[in-house]
Amino acid sequence: MGQGAARDHAIACDARGVSRQPPLDFLERFNEAFVYEMQAFVAACRGETPLTLELADATEATRIGLAITRSLRSGLPQEV
């Protein structure tokens, strides 16, 4: 992303200066969100809270995922 992007590092700029950092893996990047999502799911399964998603949400996510797969296989953009 951005100018000078690379797959093996990210450039961070803050008050201390500029540094290159290895990219975080999926769990490092999204661990907190995953924990919240699982807590909400378990609470919904227990009947403590309503489900926040509907079948249409899952259908849409599947449709997008299939378009991504087609794009990866063909090397071409896919209409979503």
Foldseek 3Di string as FASTA:
>chain_A
DDPPDDQQWDWDQDPVGIDTHGDDDPCVVCVVVVVVVVVVVVCCVVVNDPDPDDPVVVVVVVVVVVQVVVCVVVVDHDDD
